[in-house]
Amino acid sequence: MTVHVMKDGWAGVIRGRPKVGAFAERARRTQPQDIDAFAKMTGDRNPLHYDKALAEASVFGKLIVQGGITSGILNAVVAEDLPGPGSVFLEVSWKFVKAVGVGELITGRVEVKEVRGDKPITKLETSVRNEAGELCLTGTATVFTVPLASR
């Protein structure tokens, strides 16, 4: 009889192997300077982010932040909390279902749906909600966590 022993792909990962069902959240309030910083990095100067009169007359009814600011909170949750340091996105599938305005409190949440044992890869359910609890972004992400701890 041959017994196959699966290598622990999570060896050296700072926070260790996450468990299915584990979740983490982070919240922050969007600010006008977020729009400026994001525009400097990406060149996204859409008038919906800068022109108050135009934005208020649009379907959004207010100045909105770039989608990268909305999804960016998930970068922090993944890299800092779950799975934690060393984590990078391999794949994301996100739907932006409600625009986020300037000055809104948003909460990013990730929940572990699958964990591979042979490699430090995690599949996550992701979401961002506003302070009214309304869903602004929903979807999934696959994350690879680089082992950073000494072995």
Protein backbone atom coordinates (compact mmCIF):
# COMPACT_ATOMS: atom_id res chain seq x y z
CA MET A 1 0.00 0.00 0.00
CA THR A 2 1.34 3.41 -0.98
CA VAL A 3 0.65 6.36 1.28
CA HIS A 4 0.95 9.83 -0.21
CA VAL A 5 1.85 12.55 2.24
CA MET A 6 0.73 16.01 1.16
CA LYS A 7 3.39 18.69 1.59
CA ASP A 8 2.26 21.53 3.86
CA GLY A 9 2.17 24.42 1.43
CA TRP A 10 1.53 26.81 4.30
CA ALA A 11 4.89 26.30 6.05
CA GLY A 12 6.46 29.69 6.72
CA VAL A 13 3.28 31.70 6.22
CA ILE A 14 3.18 34.31 9.00
CA ARG A 15 -0.46 33.84 10.02
CA GLY A 16 -0.56 30.15 9.10
CA ARG A 17 -3.21 28.29 7.18
CA PRO A 18 -6.63 30.00 7.40
CA LYS A 19 -9.76 28.02 8.13
CA VAL A 20 -12.83 27.86 5.92
CA GLY A 21 -15.42 30.24 7.37
CA ALA A 22 -12.86 32.62 8.87
CA PHE A 23 -13.52 36.26 8.01
CA ALA A 24 -12.00 39.70 8.48
CA GLU A 25 -13.26 43.25 8.03
CA ARG A 26 -11.79 46.73 7.84
CA ALA A 27 -13.57 50.07 7.66
CA ARG A 28 -12.53 53.55 6.60
CA ARG A 29 -14.14 56.80 5.53
CA THR A 30 -13.44 57.95 1.97
CA GLN A 31 -11.95 61.43 1.62
CA PRO A 32 -11.42 63.97 -1.17
CA GLN A 33 -7.65 63.42 -0.94
CA ASP A 34 -8.23 59.73 -1.81
CA ILE A 35 -9.53 60.85 -5.20
CA ASP A 36 -6.48 63.06 -5.79
CA ALA A 37 -4.01 60.37 -4.71
CA PHE A 38 -5.69 57.74 -6.91
CA ALA A 39 -5.76 60.13 -9.88
CA LYS A 40 -2.04 60.86 -9.44
CA MET A 41 -1.28 57.12 -9.45
CA THR A 42 -3.57 56.10 -12.32
CA GLY A 43 -4.52 59.17 -14.33
CA ASP A 44 -8.25 58.57 -13.66
CA ARG A 45 -9.63 62.11 -13.67
CA ASN A 46 -13.24 61.28 -14.54
CA PRO A 47 -15.40 64.39 -13.92
CA LEU A 48 -17.72 62.25 -11.74
CA HIS A 49 -14.92 62.38 -9.15
CA TYR A 50 -14.14 66.13 -9.43
CA ASP A 51 -17.00 68.14 -10.89
CA LYS A 52 -19.56 68.47 -8.10
CA ALA A 53 -22.32 70.04 -10.24
CA LEU A 54 -21.92 67.44 -12.99
CA ALA A 55 -21.79 64.56 -10.49
CA GLU A 56 -24.88 65.82 -8.62
CA ALA A 57 -26.79 66.05 -11.92
CA SER A 58 -25.75 62.48 -12.83
CA VAL A 59 -27.48 59.22 -11.93
CA PHE A 60 -25.21 59.09 -8.83
CA GLY A 61 -26.43 62.41 -7.43
CA LYS A 62 -23.07 63.08 -5.72
CA LEU A 63 -19.32 63.04 -6.19
CA ILE A 64 -18.13 59.44 -6.22
CA VAL A 65 -14.74 57.89 -5.57
CA GLN A 66 -12.94 55.81 -8.19
CA GLY A 67 -13.73 52.09 -8.15
CA GLY A 68 -10.12 51.37 -7.19
CA ILE A 69 -10.69 53.21 -3.92
CA THR A 70 -13.76 51.09 -3.23
CA SER A 71 -11.95 47.83 -3.99
CA GLY A 72 -8.70 49.05 -2.41
CA ILE A 73 -9.98 48.40 1.10
CA LEU A 74 -10.01 44.71 0.19
CA ASN A 75 -6.27 44.91 -0.58
CA ALA A 76 -5.73 46.01 3.02
CA VAL A 77 -7.95 43.30 4.50
CA VAL A 78 -6.17 40.58 2.49
CA ALA A 79 -2.62 41.86 3.04
CA GLU A 80 -2.97 42.81 6.70
CA ASP A 81 -5.66 40.56 8.17
CA LEU A 82 -6.73 37.46 6.21
CA PRO A 83 -4.83 35.56 4.96
CA GLY A 84 -2.37 38.29 6.03
CA PRO A 85 1.18 39.47 5.31
CA GLY A 86 2.65 38.13 2.08
CA SER A 87 -0.76 37.79 0.39
CA VAL A 88 -1.29 38.91 -3.20
CA PHE A 89 -4.28 38.61 -5.51
CA LEU A 90 -4.06 35.98 -8.25
CA GLU A 91 -7.57 36.56 -9.58
CA VAL A 92 -10.56 38.73 -8.74
CA SER A 93 -14.12 38.79 -10.03
CA TRP A 94 -15.89 41.87 -8.74
CA LYS A 95 -19.19 43.57 -9.50
CA PHE A 96 -19.53 47.22 -8.52
CA VAL A 97 -23.21 47.41 -7.63
CA LYS A 98 -23.42 50.80 -5.90
CA ALA A 99 -21.18 53.84 -6.23
CA VAL A 100 -19.37 55.10 -3.13
CA GLY A 101 -19.52 58.80 -2.40
CA VAL A 102 -16.91 61.07 -0.91
CA GLY A 103 -17.13 61.00 2.89
CA GLU A 104 -18.82 57.58 3.08
CA LEU A 105 -17.74 54.97 5.60
CA ILE A 106 -17.06 51.71 3.77
CA THR A 107 -16.37 48.27 5.23
CA GLY A 108 -14.47 45.64 3.30
CA ARG A 109 -15.01 42.00 4.23
CA VAL A 110 -13.38 38.77 3.13
CA GLU A 111 -14.50 35.26 4.07
CA VAL A 112 -12.52 32.11 3.41
CA LYS A 113 -14.38 29.69 1.13
CA GLU A 114 -11.57 27.27 0.14
CA VAL A 115 -8.01 26.59 1.27
CA ARG A 116 -5.53 24.47 -0.63
CA GLY A 117 -3.25 22.30 1.49
CA ASP A 118 -0.44 21.81 -1.02
CA LYS A 119 -0.02 25.52 -1.85
CA PRO A 120 -0.79 28.69 0.13
CA ILE A 121 -3.78 29.55 -2.04
CA THR A 122 -7.10 30.73 -0.63
CA LYS A 123 -10.42 31.44 -2.33
CA LEU A 124 -12.35 34.26 -0.73
CA GLU A 125 -15.82 35.74 -0.90
CA THR A 126 -15.41 39.52 -0.91
CA SER A 127 -17.67 42.50 -0.33
CA VAL A 128 -17.68 46.20 0.41
CA ARG A 129 -20.66 47.82 2.11
CA ASN A 130 -21.46 51.44 2.91
CA GLU A 131 -22.47 52.66 6.37
CA ALA A 132 -26.15 52.02 5.57
CA GLY A 133 -25.19 48.37 5.06
CA GLU A 134 -25.82 48.54 1.32
CA LEU A 135 -23.67 46.33 -0.88
CA CYS A 136 -21.31 48.41 -3.06
CA LEU A 137 -19.01 45.65 -4.35
CA THR A 138 -19.42 41.90 -4.36
CA GLY A 139 -17.44 39.01 -5.76
CA THR A 140 -14.63 36.57 -5.23
CA ALA A 141 -10.86 36.56 -5.09
CA THR A 142 -8.12 33.95 -5.24
CA VAL A 143 -5.09 34.82 -3.14
CA PHE A 144 -1.55 33.45 -2.94
CA THR A 145 0.28 33.94 0.36
CA VAL A 146 4.08 34.07 0.10
CA PRO A 147 5.83 32.37 3.03
CA LEU A 148 7.70 35.17 4.83
CA ALA A 149 8.54 33.59 8.17
CA SER A 150 11.85 31.81 8.50
CA ARG A 151 11.45 28.08 8.24
